[in-house]
Amino acid sequence: TGASAIFYDMEQVSDADLRHMEIITFPMA
């Protein structure tokens, strides 16, 4: 844990959510 580990996890979750959003929004668009 610690600030560096927390920010790393936030980046990983953000990247995964972004890819998931692109998979959903591309066909809709």
mmCIF file of all heavy atoms, coordinates in Angstrom:
data_MODEL
# 
_entry.id   MODEL 
# 
loop_
_atom_site.group_PDB 
_atom_site.id 
_atom_site.type_symbol 
_atom_site.label_atom_id 
_atom_site.label_alt_id 
_atom_site.label_comp_id 
_atom_site.label_asym_id 
_atom_site.label_entity_id 
_atom_site.label_seq_id 
_atom_site.pdbx_PDB_ins_code 
_atom_site.Cartn_x 
_atom_site.Cartn_y 
_atom_site.Cartn_z 
_atom_site.occupancy 
_atom_site.B_iso_or_equiv 
_atom_site.pdbx_formal_charge 
_atom_site.auth_seq_id 
_atom_site.auth_comp_id 
_atom_site.auth_asym_id 
_atom_site.auth_atom_id 
_atom_site.pdbx_PDB_model_num 
ATOM 1   N N   . THR A 1 1  ? 0.849   -1.181 0.000   1.00 0.00 ? 1  THR A N   1 
ATOM 2   C CA  . THR A 1 1  ? 0.000   0.000  0.000   1.00 0.00 ? 1  THR A CA  1 
ATOM 3   C C   . THR A 1 1  ? 0.893   1.241  0.000   1.00 0.00 ? 1  THR A C   1 
ATOM 4   O O   . THR A 1 1  ? 2.106   1.139  -0.180  1.00 0.00 ? 1  THR A O   1 
ATOM 5   C CB  . THR A 1 1  ? -0.955  -0.001 1.204   1.00 0.00 ? 1  THR A CB  1 
ATOM 6   O OG1 . THR A 1 1  ? -1.843  1.122  1.104   1.00 0.00 ? 1  THR A OG1 1 
ATOM 7   C CG2 . THR A 1 1  ? -0.197  0.064  2.515   1.00 0.00 ? 1  THR A CG2 1 
ATOM 8   N N   . GLY A 1 2  ? 0.306   2.383  0.194   1.00 0.00 ? 2  GLY A N   1 
ATOM 9   C CA  . GLY A 1 2  ? 1.039   3.636  0.093   1.00 0.00 ? 2  GLY A CA  1 
ATOM 10  C C   . GLY A 1 2  ? 0.585   4.423  -1.119  1.00 0.00 ? 2  GLY A C   1 
ATOM 11  O O   . GLY A 1 2  ? -0.113  3.909  -2.006  1.00 0.00 ? 2  GLY A O   1 
ATOM 12  N N   . ALA A 1 3  ? 0.980   5.684  -1.185  1.00 0.00 ? 3  ALA A N   1 
ATOM 13  C CA  . ALA A 1 3  ? 0.511   6.569  -2.256  1.00 0.00 ? 3  ALA A CA  1 
ATOM 14  C C   . ALA A 1 3  ? 0.868   6.031  -3.638  1.00 0.00 ? 3  ALA A C   1 
ATOM 15  O O   . ALA A 1 3  ? 0.036   6.036  -4.554  1.00 0.00 ? 3  ALA A O   1 
ATOM 16  C CB  . ALA A 1 3  ? 1.101   7.968  -2.057  1.00 0.00 ? 3  ALA A CB  1 
ATOM 17  N N   . SER A 1 4  ? 2.099   5.553  -3.816  1.00 0.00 ? 4  SER A N   1 
ATOM 18  C CA  . SER A 1 4  ? 2.515   5.074  -5.135  1.00 0.00 ? 4  SER A CA  1 
ATOM 19  C C   . SER A 1 4  ? 1.705   3.866  -5.566  1.00 0.00 ? 4  SER A C   1 
ATOM 20  O O   . SER A 1 4  ? 1.260   3.767  -6.718  1.00 0.00 ? 4  SER A O   1 
ATOM 21  C CB  . SER A 1 4  ? 4.012   4.724  -5.115  1.00 0.00 ? 4  SER A CB  1 
ATOM 22  O OG  . SER A 1 4  ? 4.783   5.871  -4.852  1.00 0.00 ? 4  SER A OG  1 
ATOM 23  N N   . ALA A 1 5  ? 1.492   2.909  -4.662  1.00 0.00 ? 5  ALA A N   1 
ATOM 24  C CA  . ALA A 1 5  ? 0.725   1.706  -5.002  1.00 0.00 ? 5  ALA A CA  1 
ATOM 25  C C   . ALA A 1 5  ? -0.734  2.046  -5.290  1.00 0.00 ? 5  ALA A C   1 
ATOM 26  O O   . ALA A 1 5  ? -1.347  1.481  -6.204  1.00 0.00 ? 5  ALA A O   1 
ATOM 27  C CB  . ALA A 1 5  ? 0.816   0.698  -3.856  1.00 0.00 ? 5  ALA A CB  1 
ATOM 28  N N   . ILE A 1 6  ? -1.292  2.977  -4.537  1.00 0.00 ? 6  ILE A N   1 
ATOM 29  C CA  . ILE A 1 6  ? -2.693  3.358  -4.741  1.00 0.00 ? 6  ILE A CA  1 
ATOM 30  C C   . ILE A 1 6  ? -2.870  4.045  -6.092  1.00 0.00 ? 6  ILE A C   1 
ATOM 31  O O   . ILE A 1 6  ? -3.808  3.751  -6.843  1.00 0.00 ? 6  ILE A O   1 
ATOM 32  C CB  . ILE A 1 6  ? -3.171  4.265  -3.592  1.00 0.00 ? 6  ILE A CB  1 
ATOM 33  C CG1 . ILE A 1 6  ? -3.241  3.456  -2.287  1.00 0.00 ? 6  ILE A CG1 1 
ATOM 34  C CG2 . ILE A 1 6  ? -4.525  4.881  -3.910  1.00 0.00 ? 6  ILE A CG2 1 
ATOM 35  C CD1 . ILE A 1 6  ? -3.535  4.284  -1.066  1.00 0.00 ? 6  ILE A CD1 1 
ATOM 36  N N   . PHE A 1 7  ? -1.966  4.963  -6.423  1.00 0.00 ? 7  PHE A N   1 
ATOM 37  C CA  . PHE A 1 7  ? -2.059  5.636  -7.726  1.00 0.00 ? 7  PHE A CA  1 
ATOM 38  C C   . PHE A 1 7  ? -1.860  4.644  -8.867  1.00 0.00 ? 7  PHE A C   1 
ATOM 39  O O   . PHE A 1 7  ? -2.502  4.764  -9.923  1.00 0.00 ? 7  PHE A O   1 
ATOM 40  C CB  . PHE A 1 7  ? -1.030  6.765  -7.818  1.00 0.00 ? 7  PHE A CB  1 
ATOM 41  C CG  . PHE A 1 7  ? -1.501  8.054  -7.217  1.00 0.00 ? 7  PHE A CG  1 
ATOM 42  C CD1 . PHE A 1 7  ? -1.064  8.459  -5.971  1.00 0.00 ? 7  PHE A CD1 1 
ATOM 43  C CD2 . PHE A 1 7  ? -2.386  8.872  -7.896  1.00 0.00 ? 7  PHE A CD2 1 
ATOM 44  C CE1 . PHE A 1 7  ? -1.502  9.648  -5.406  1.00 0.00 ? 7  PHE A CE1 1 
ATOM 45  C CE2 . PHE A 1 7  ? -2.841  10.062 -7.345  1.00 0.00 ? 7  PHE A CE2 1 
ATOM 46  C CZ  . PHE A 1 7  ? -2.390  10.449 -6.090  1.00 0.00 ? 7  PHE A CZ  1 
ATOM 47  N N   . TYR A 1 8  ? -0.989  3.660  -8.686  1.00 0.00 ? 8  TYR A N   1 
ATOM 48  C CA  . TYR A 1 8  ? -0.791  2.639  -9.717  1.00 0.00 ? 8  TYR A CA  1 
ATOM 49  C C   . TYR A 1 8  ? -2.089  1.849  -9.930  1.00 0.00 ? 8  TYR A C   1 
ATOM 50  O O   . TYR A 1 8  ? -2.492  1.611  -11.076 1.00 0.00 ? 8  TYR A O   1 
ATOM 51  C CB  . TYR A 1 8  ? 0.336   1.702  -9.293  1.00 0.00 ? 8  TYR A CB  1 
ATOM 52  C CG  . TYR A 1 8  ? 0.534   0.527  -10.219 1.00 0.00 ? 8  TYR A CG  1 
ATOM 53  C CD1 . TYR A 1 8  ? 1.287   0.653  -11.387 1.00 0.00 ? 8  TYR A CD1 1 
ATOM 54  C CD2 . TYR A 1 8  ? -0.030  -0.720 -9.930  1.00 0.00 ? 8  TYR A CD2 1 
ATOM 55  C CE1 . TYR A 1 8  ? 1.466   -0.420 -12.241 1.00 0.00 ? 8  TYR A CE1 1 
ATOM 56  C CE2 . TYR A 1 8  ? 0.151   -1.796 -10.783 1.00 0.00 ? 8  TYR A CE2 1 
ATOM 57  C CZ  . TYR A 1 8  ? 0.895   -1.643 -11.935 1.00 0.00 ? 8  TYR A CZ  1 
ATOM 58  O OH  . TYR A 1 8  ? 1.063   -2.720 -12.774 1.00 0.00 ? 8  TYR A OH  1 
ATOM 59  N N   . ASP A 1 9  ? -2.731  1.445  -8.844  1.00 0.00 ? 9  ASP A N   1 
ATOM 60  C CA  . ASP A 1 9  ? -3.991  0.702  -8.973  1.00 0.00 ? 9  ASP A CA  1 
ATOM 61  C C   . ASP A 1 9  ? -5.073  1.552  -9.618  1.00 0.00 ? 9  ASP A C   1 
ATOM 62  O O   . ASP A 1 9  ? -5.877  1.047  -10.419 1.00 0.00 ? 9  ASP A O   1 
ATOM 63  C CB  . ASP A 1 9  ? -4.445  0.224  -7.594  1.00 0.00 ? 9  ASP A CB  1 
ATOM 64  C CG  . ASP A 1 9  ? -3.541  -0.854 -7.028  1.00 0.00 ? 9  ASP A CG  1 
ATOM 65  O OD1 . ASP A 1 9  ? -2.835  -1.511 -7.816  1.00 0.00 ? 9  ASP A OD1 1 
ATOM 66  O OD2 . ASP A 1 9  ? -3.525  -1.043 -5.796  1.00 0.00 ? 9  ASP A OD2 1 
ATOM 67  N N   . MET A 1 10 ? -5.110  2.839  -9.283  1.00 0.00 ? 10 MET A N   1 
ATOM 68  C CA  . MET A 1 10 ? -6.090  3.724  -9.899  1.00 0.00 ? 10 MET A CA  1 
ATOM 69  C C   . MET A 1 10 ? -5.874  3.820  -11.409 1.00 0.00 ? 10 MET A C   1 
ATOM 70  O O   . MET A 1 10 ? -6.834  3.822  -12.191 1.00 0.00 ? 10 MET A O   1 
ATOM 71  C CB  . MET A 1 10 ? -6.008  5.116  -9.260  1.00 0.00 ? 10 MET A CB  1 
ATOM 72  C CG  . MET A 1 10 ? -6.511  5.174  -7.824  1.00 0.00 ? 10 MET A CG  1 
ATOM 73  S SD  . MET A 1 10 ? -6.201  6.778  -7.027  1.00 0.00 ? 10 MET A SD  1 
ATOM 74  C CE  . MET A 1 10 ? -7.099  7.880  -8.123  1.00 0.00 ? 10 MET A CE  1 
ATOM 75  N N   . GLU A 1 11 ? -4.610  3.880  -11.835 1.00 0.00 ? 11 GLU A N   1 
ATOM 76  C CA  . GLU A 1 11 ? -4.324  3.942  -13.265 1.00 0.00 ? 11 GLU A CA  1 
ATOM 77  C C   . GLU A 1 11 ? -4.748  2.653  -13.963 1.00 0.00 ? 11 GLU A C   1 
ATOM 78  O O   . GLU A 1 11 ? -5.303  2.694  -15.065 1.00 0.00 ? 11 GLU A O   1 
ATOM 79  C CB  . GLU A 1 11 ? -2.833  4.185  -13.482 1.00 0.00 ? 11 GLU A CB  1 
ATOM 80  C CG  . GLU A 1 11 ? -2.367  5.580  -13.094 1.00 0.00 ? 11 GLU A CG  1 
ATOM 81  C CD  . GLU A 1 11 ? -0.880  5.760  -13.303 1.00 0.00 ? 11 GLU A CD  1 
ATOM 82  O OE1 . GLU A 1 11 ? -0.207  4.778  -13.715 1.00 0.00 ? 11 GLU A OE1 1 
ATOM 83  O OE2 . GLU A 1 11 ? -0.382  6.869  -13.054 1.00 0.00 ? 11 GLU A OE2 1 
ATOM 84  N N   . GLN A 1 12 ? -4.495  1.508  -13.321 1.00 0.00 ? 12 GLN A N   1 
ATOM 85  C CA  . GLN A 1 12 ? -4.868  0.238  -13.932 1.00 0.00 ? 12 GLN A CA  1 
ATOM 86  C C   . GLN A 1 12 ? -6.389  0.110  -14.063 1.00 0.00 ? 12 GLN A C   1 
ATOM 87  O O   . GLN A 1 12 ? -6.898  -0.325 -15.107 1.00 0.00 ? 12 GLN A O   1 
ATOM 88  C CB  . GLN A 1 12 ? -4.326  -0.927 -13.085 1.00 0.00 ? 12 GLN A CB  1 
ATOM 89  C CG  . GLN A 1 12 ? -2.814  -0.970 -12.990 1.00 0.00 ? 12 GLN A CG  1 
ATOM 90  C CD  . GLN A 1 12 ? -2.142  -1.064 -14.336 1.00 0.00 ? 12 GLN A CD  1 
ATOM 91  O OE1 . GLN A 1 12 ? -2.452  -1.931 -15.139 1.00 0.00 ? 12 GLN A OE1 1 
ATOM 92  N NE2 . GLN A 1 12 ? -1.217  -0.161 -14.607 1.00 0.00 ? 12 GLN A NE2 1 
ATOM 93  N N   . VAL A 1 13 ? -7.112  0.497  -13.018 1.00 0.00 ? 13 VAL A N   1 
ATOM 94  C CA  . VAL A 1 13 ? -8.571  0.430  -13.065 1.00 0.00 ? 13 VAL A CA  1 
ATOM 95  C C   . VAL A 1 13 ? -9.120  1.401  -14.107 1.00 0.00 ? 13 VAL A C   1 
ATOM 96  O O   . VAL A 1 13 ? -10.050 1.080  -14.857 1.00 0.00 ? 13 VAL A O   1 
ATOM 97  C CB  . VAL A 1 13 ? -9.161  0.729  -11.669 1.00 0.00 ? 13 VAL A CB  1 
ATOM 98  C CG1 . VAL A 1 13 ? -10.680 0.860  -11.742 1.00 0.00 ? 13 VAL A CG1 1 
ATOM 99  C CG2 . VAL A 1 13 ? -8.781  -0.369 -10.679 1.00 0.00 ? 13 VAL A CG2 1 
ATOM 100 N N   . SER A 1 14 ? -8.523  2.595  -14.168 1.00 0.00 ? 14 SER A N   1 
ATOM 101 C CA  . SER A 1 14 ? -8.974  3.588  -15.148 1.00 0.00 ? 14 SER A CA  1 
ATOM 102 C C   . SER A 1 14 ? -8.759  3.090  -16.572 1.00 0.00 ? 14 SER A C   1 
ATOM 103 O O   . SER A 1 14 ? -9.641  3.243  -17.435 1.00 0.00 ? 14 SER A O   1 
ATOM 104 C CB  . SER A 1 14 ? -8.222  4.903  -14.926 1.00 0.00 ? 14 SER A CB  1 
ATOM 105 O OG  . SER A 1 14 ? -8.588  5.857  -15.896 1.00 0.00 ? 14 SER A OG  1 
ATOM 106 N N   . ASP A 1 15 ? -7.597  2.480  -16.833 1.00 0.00 ? 15 ASP A N   1 
ATOM 107 C CA  . ASP A 1 15 ? -7.333  1.957  -18.178 1.00 0.00 ? 15 ASP A CA  1 
ATOM 108 C C   . ASP A 1 15 ? -8.309  0.835  -18.531 1.00 0.00 ? 15 ASP A C   1 
ATOM 109 O O   . ASP A 1 15 ? -8.811  0.767  -19.658 1.00 0.00 ? 15 ASP A O   1 
ATOM 110 C CB  . ASP A 1 15 ? -5.894  1.444  -18.267 1.00 0.00 ? 15 ASP A CB  1 
ATOM 111 C CG  . ASP A 1 15 ? -4.877  2.568  -18.213 1.00 0.00 ? 15 ASP A CG  1 
ATOM 112 O OD1 . ASP A 1 15 ? -5.273  3.720  -18.438 1.00 0.00 ? 15 ASP A OD1 1 
ATOM 113 O OD2 . ASP A 1 15 ? -3.696  2.285  -17.944 1.00 0.00 ? 15 ASP A OD2 1 
ATOM 114 N N   . ALA A 1 16 ? -8.570  -0.063 -17.576 1.00 0.00 ? 16 ALA A N   1 
ATOM 115 C CA  . ALA A 1 16 ? -9.497  -1.166 -17.837 1.00 0.00 ? 16 ALA A CA  1 
ATOM 116 C C   . ALA A 1 16 ? -10.910 -0.645 -18.092 1.00 0.00 ? 16 ALA A C   1 
ATOM 117 O O   . ALA A 1 16 ? -11.607 -1.129 -19.000 1.00 0.00 ? 16 ALA A O   1 
ATOM 118 C CB  . ALA A 1 16 ? -9.492  -2.139 -16.663 1.00 0.00 ? 16 ALA A CB  1 
ATOM 119 N N   . ASP A 1 17 ? -11.334 0.341  -17.308 1.00 0.00 ? 17 ASP A N   1 
ATOM 120 C CA  . ASP A 1 17 ? -12.667 0.919  -17.510 1.00 0.00 ? 17 ASP A CA  1 
ATOM 121 C C   . ASP A 1 17 ? -12.762 1.623  -18.854 1.00 0.00 ? 17 ASP A C   1 
ATOM 122 O O   . ASP A 1 17 ? -13.809 1.571  -19.528 1.00 0.00 ? 17 ASP A O   1 
ATOM 123 C CB  . ASP A 1 17 ? -12.991 1.906  -16.385 1.00 0.00 ? 17 ASP A CB  1 
ATOM 124 C CG  . ASP A 1 17 ? -13.254 1.206  -15.058 1.00 0.00 ? 17 ASP A CG  1 
ATOM 125 O OD1 . ASP A 1 17 ? -13.459 -0.021 -15.075 1.00 0.00 ? 17 ASP A OD1 1 
ATOM 126 O OD2 . ASP A 1 17 ? -13.242 1.887  -14.021 1.00 0.00 ? 17 ASP A OD2 1 
ATOM 127 N N   . LEU A 1 18 ? -11.676 2.289  -19.267 1.00 0.00 ? 18 LEU A N   1 
ATOM 128 C CA  . LEU A 1 18 ? -11.687 2.984  -20.548 1.00 0.00 ? 18 LEU A CA  1 
ATOM 129 C C   . LEU A 1 18 ? -11.822 1.994  -21.703 1.00 0.00 ? 18 LEU A C   1 
ATOM 130 O O   . LEU A 1 18 ? -12.598 2.222  -22.642 1.00 0.00 ? 18 LEU A O   1 
ATOM 131 C CB  . LEU A 1 18 ? -10.412 3.809  -20.700 1.00 0.00 ? 18 LEU A CB  1 
ATOM 132 C CG  . LEU A 1 18 ? -10.273 4.625  -21.994 1.00 0.00 ? 18 LEU A CG  1 
ATOM 133 C CD1 . LEU A 1 18 ? -11.419 5.622  -22.109 1.00 0.00 ? 18 LEU A CD1 1 
ATOM 134 C CD2 . LEU A 1 18 ? -8.927  5.332  -22.039 1.00 0.00 ? 18 LEU A CD2 1 
ATOM 135 N N   . ARG A 1 19 ? -11.082 0.886  -21.637 1.00 0.00 ? 19 ARG A N   1 
ATOM 136 C CA  . ARG A 1 19 ? -11.203 -0.124 -22.691 1.00 0.00 ? 19 ARG A CA  1 
ATOM 137 C C   . ARG A 1 19 ? -12.602 -0.729 -22.715 1.00 0.00 ? 19 ARG A C   1 
ATOM 138 O O   . ARG A 1 19 ? -13.170 -0.969 -23.786 1.00 0.00 ? 19 ARG A O   1 
ATOM 139 C CB  . ARG A 1 19 ? -10.153 -1.213 -22.472 1.00 0.00 ? 19 ARG A CB  1 
ATOM 140 C CG  . ARG A 1 19 ? -8.727  -0.767 -22.782 1.00 0.00 ? 19 ARG A CG  1 
ATOM 141 C CD  . ARG A 1 19 ? -7.795  -1.954 -22.817 1.00 0.00 ? 19 ARG A CD  1 
ATOM 142 N NE  . ARG A 1 19 ? -7.669  -2.575 -21.514 1.00 0.00 ? 19 ARG A NE  1 
ATOM 143 C CZ  . ARG A 1 19 ? -6.744  -2.248 -20.623 1.00 0.00 ? 19 ARG A CZ  1 
ATOM 144 N NH1 . ARG A 1 19 ? -5.859  -1.307 -20.899 1.00 0.00 ? 19 ARG A NH1 1 
ATOM 145 N NH2 . ARG A 1 19 ? -6.679  -2.870 -19.454 1.00 0.00 ? 19 ARG A NH2 1 
ATOM 146 N N   . HIS A 1 20 ? -13.165 -0.974 -21.527 1.00 0.00 ? 20 HIS A N   1 
ATOM 147 C CA  . HIS A 1 20 ? -14.517 -1.528 -21.451 1.00 0.00 ? 20 HIS A CA  1 
ATOM 148 C C   . HIS A 1 20 ? -15.533 -0.552 -22.038 1.00 0.00 ? 20 HIS A C   1 
ATOM 149 O O   . HIS A 1 20 ? -16.459 -0.951 -22.761 1.00 0.00 ? 20 HIS A O   1 
ATOM 150 C CB  . HIS A 1 20 ? -14.856 -1.845 -19.995 1.00 0.00 ? 20 HIS A CB  1 
ATOM 151 C CG  . HIS A 1 20 ? -16.179 -2.513 -19.814 1.00 0.00 ? 20 HIS A CG  1 
ATOM 152 N ND1 . HIS A 1 20 ? -16.448 -3.782 -20.270 1.00 0.00 ? 20 HIS A ND1 1 
ATOM 153 C CD2 . HIS A 1 20 ? -17.334 -2.071 -19.227 1.00 0.00 ? 20 HIS A CD2 1 
ATOM 154 C CE1 . HIS A 1 20 ? -17.694 -4.106 -19.973 1.00 0.00 ? 20 HIS A CE1 1 
ATOM 155 N NE2 . HIS A 1 20 ? -18.243 -3.084 -19.348 1.00 0.00 ? 20 HIS A NE2 1 
ATOM 156 N N   . MET A 1 21 ? -15.352 0.744  -21.742 1.00 0.00 ? 21 MET A N   1 
ATOM 157 C CA  . MET A 1 21 ? -16.269 1.757  -22.263 1.00 0.00 ? 21 MET A CA  1 
ATOM 158 C C   . MET A 1 21 ? -16.173 1.839  -23.791 1.00 0.00 ? 21 MET A C   1 
ATOM 159 O O   . MET A 1 21 ? -17.191 1.975  -24.473 1.00 0.00 ? 21 MET A O   1 
ATOM 160 C CB  . MET A 1 21 ? -15.934 3.114  -21.646 1.00 0.00 ? 21 MET A CB  1 
ATOM 161 C CG  . MET A 1 21 ? -16.842 4.250  -22.121 1.00 0.00 ? 21 MET A CG  1 
ATOM 162 S SD  . MET A 1 21 ? -16.269 5.859  -21.574 1.00 0.00 ? 21 MET A SD  1 
ATOM 163 C CE  . MET A 1 21 ? -14.764 6.016  -22.538 1.00 0.00 ? 21 MET A CE  1 
ATOM 164 N N   . GLU A 1 22 ? -14.938 1.742  -24.319 1.00 0.00 ? 22 GLU A N   1 
ATOM 165 C CA  . GLU A 1 22 ? -14.782 1.808  -25.769 1.00 0.00 ? 22 GLU A CA  1 
ATOM 166 C C   . GLU A 1 22 ? -15.465 0.630  -26.455 1.00 0.00 ? 22 GLU A C   1 
ATOM 167 O O   . GLU A 1 22 ? -16.047 0.783  -27.539 1.00 0.00 ? 22 GLU A O   1 
ATOM 168 C CB  . GLU A 1 22 ? -13.296 1.850  -26.118 1.00 0.00 ? 22 GLU A CB  1 
ATOM 169 C CG  . GLU A 1 22 ? -12.612 3.159  -25.723 1.00 0.00 ? 22 GLU A CG  1 
ATOM 170 C CD  . GLU A 1 22 ? -11.122 3.091  -25.925 1.00 0.00 ? 22 GLU A CD  1 
ATOM 171 O OE1 . GLU A 1 22 ? -10.595 1.966  -26.114 1.00 0.00 ? 22 GLU A OE1 1 
ATOM 172 O OE2 . GLU A 1 22 ? -10.464 4.142  -25.887 1.00 0.00 ? 22 GLU A OE2 1 
ATOM 173 N N   . ILE A 1 23 ? -15.395 -0.548 -25.847 1.00 0.00 ? 23 ILE A N   1 
ATOM 174 C CA  . ILE A 1 23 ? -16.042 -1.720 -26.437 1.00 0.00 ? 23 ILE A CA  1 
ATOM 175 C C   . ILE A 1 23 ? -17.558 -1.534 -26.511 1.00 0.00 ? 23 ILE A C   1 
ATOM 176 O O   . ILE A 1 23 ? -18.220 -1.955 -27.459 1.00 0.00 ? 23 ILE A O   1 
ATOM 177 C CB  . ILE A 1 23 ? -15.683 -2.979 -25.623 1.00 0.00 ? 23 ILE A CB  1 
ATOM 178 C CG1 . ILE A 1 23 ? -14.193 -3.294 -25.776 1.00 0.00 ? 23 ILE A CG1 1 
ATOM 179 C CG2 . ILE A 1 23 ? -16.511 -4.183 -26.067 1.00 0.00 ? 23 ILE A CG2 1 
ATOM 180 C CD1 . ILE A 1 23 ? -13.719 -4.422 -24.893 1.00 0.00 ? 23 ILE A CD1 1 
ATOM 181 N N   . ILE A 1 24 ? -18.119 -0.867 -25.502 1.00 0.00 ? 24 ILE A N   1 
ATOM 182 C CA  . ILE A 1 24 ? -19.571 -0.664 -25.461 1.00 0.00 ? 24 ILE A CA  1 
ATOM 183 C C   . ILE A 1 24 ? -20.010 0.491  -26.361 1.00 0.00 ? 24 ILE A C   1 
ATOM 184 O O   . ILE A 1 24 ? -20.986 0.389  -27.104 1.00 0.00 ? 24 ILE A O   1 
ATOM 185 C CB  . ILE A 1 24 ? -20.032 -0.420 -24.011 1.00 0.00 ? 24 ILE A CB  1 
ATOM 186 C CG1 . ILE A 1 24 ? -19.768 -1.670 -23.153 1.00 0.00 ? 24 ILE A CG1 1 
ATOM 187 C CG2 . ILE A 1 24 ? -21.513 -0.052 -23.962 1.00 0.00 ? 24 ILE A CG2 1 
ATOM 188 C CD1 . ILE A 1 24 ? -20.090 -1.487 -21.694 1.00 0.00 ? 24 ILE A CD1 1 
ATOM 189 N N   . THR A 1 25 ? -19.260 1.601  -26.300 1.00 0.00 ? 25 THR A N   1 
ATOM 190 C CA  . THR A 1 25 ? -19.706 2.815  -26.997 1.00 0.00 ? 25 THR A CA  1 
ATOM 191 C C   . THR A 1 25 ? -19.438 2.762  -28.495 1.00 0.00 ? 25 THR A C   1 
ATOM 192 O O   . THR A 1 25 ? -20.144 3.434  -29.264 1.00 0.00 ? 25 THR A O   1 
ATOM 193 C CB  . THR A 1 25 ? -19.015 4.050  -26.406 1.00 0.00 ? 25 THR A CB  1 
ATOM 194 O OG1 . THR A 1 25 ? -17.586 3.880  -26.489 1.00 0.00 ? 25 THR A OG1 1 
ATOM 195 C CG2 . THR A 1 25 ? -19.422 4.246  -24.959 1.00 0.00 ? 25 THR A CG2 1 
ATOM 196 N N   . PHE A 1 26 ? -18.431 2.023  -28.949 1.00 0.00 ? 26 PHE A N   1 
ATOM 197 C CA  . PHE A 1 26 ? -18.128 1.990  -30.387 1.00 0.00 ? 26 PHE A CA  1 
ATOM 198 C C   . PHE A 1 26 ? -19.320 1.482  -31.214 1.00 0.00 ? 26 PHE A C   1 
ATOM 199 O O   . PHE A 1 26 ? -19.725 2.149  -32.176 1.00 0.00 ? 26 PHE A O   1 
ATOM 200 C CB  . PHE A 1 26 ? -16.885 1.136  -30.632 1.00 0.00 ? 26 PHE A CB  1 
ATOM 201 C CG  . PHE A 1 26 ? -16.488 1.075  -32.077 1.00 0.00 ? 26 PHE A CG  1 
ATOM 202 C CD1 . PHE A 1 26 ? -15.743 2.091  -32.656 1.00 0.00 ? 26 PHE A CD1 1 
ATOM 203 C CD2 . PHE A 1 26 ? -16.857 0.002  -32.872 1.00 0.00 ? 26 PHE A CD2 1 
ATOM 204 C CE1 . PHE A 1 26 ? -15.376 2.045  -33.992 1.00 0.00 ? 26 PHE A CE1 1 
ATOM 205 C CE2 . PHE A 1 26 ? -16.497 -0.066 -34.199 1.00 0.00 ? 26 PHE A CE2 1 
ATOM 206 C CZ  . PHE A 1 26 ? -15.749 0.963  -34.759 1.00 0.00 ? 26 PHE A CZ  1 
ATOM 207 N N   . PRO A 1 27 ? -19.919 0.326  -30.888 1.00 0.00 ? 27 PRO A N   1 
ATOM 208 C CA  . PRO A 1 27 ? -21.085 -0.100 -31.679 1.00 0.00 ? 27 PRO A CA  1 
ATOM 209 C C   . PRO A 1 27 ? -22.266 0.861  -31.568 1.00 0.00 ? 27 PRO A C   1 
ATOM 210 O O   . PRO A 1 27 ? -22.978 1.086  -32.554 1.00 0.00 ? 27 PRO A O   1 
ATOM 211 C CB  . PRO A 1 27 ? -21.432 -1.471 -31.084 1.00 0.00 ? 27 PRO A CB  1 
ATOM 212 C CG  . PRO A 1 27 ? -20.181 -1.929 -30.391 1.00 0.00 ? 27 PRO A CG  1 
ATOM 213 C CD  . PRO A 1 27 ? -19.549 -0.683 -29.883 1.00 0.00 ? 27 PRO A CD  1 
ATOM 214 N N   . MET A 1 28 ? -22.455 1.437  -30.366 1.00 0.00 ? 28 MET A N   1 
ATOM 215 C CA  . MET A 1 28 ? -23.559 2.384  -30.206 1.00 0.00 ? 28 MET A CA  1 
ATOM 216 C C   . MET A 1 28 ? -23.356 3.610  -31.085 1.00 0.00 ? 28 MET A C   1 
ATOM 217 O O   . MET A 1 28 ? -24.291 4.092  -31.747 1.00 0.00 ? 28 MET A O   1 
ATOM 218 C CB  . MET A 1 28 ? -23.688 2.783  -28.739 1.00 0.00 ? 28 MET A CB  1 
ATOM 219 C CG  . MET A 1 28 ? -24.079 1.639  -27.802 1.00 0.00 ? 28 MET A CG  1 
ATOM 220 S SD  . MET A 1 28 ? -24.088 2.155  -26.066 1.00 0.00 ? 28 MET A SD  1 
ATOM 221 C CE  . MET A 1 28 ? -25.278 3.481  -26.114 1.00 0.00 ? 28 MET A CE  1 
ATOM 222 N N   . ALA A 1 29 ? -22.124 4.141  -31.103 1.00 0.00 ? 29 ALA A N   1 
ATOM 223 C CA  . ALA A 1 29 ? -21.851 5.314  -31.939 1.00 0.00 ? 29 ALA A CA  1 
ATOM 224 C C   . ALA A 1 29 ? -22.026 4.994  -33.411 1.00 0.00 ? 29 ALA A C   1 
ATOM 225 O O   . ALA A 1 29 ? -22.550 5.821  -34.185 1.00 0.00 ? 29 ALA A O   1 
ATOM 226 C CB  . ALA A 1 29 ? -20.425 5.811  -31.669 1.00 0.00 ? 29 ALA A CB  1 
# 
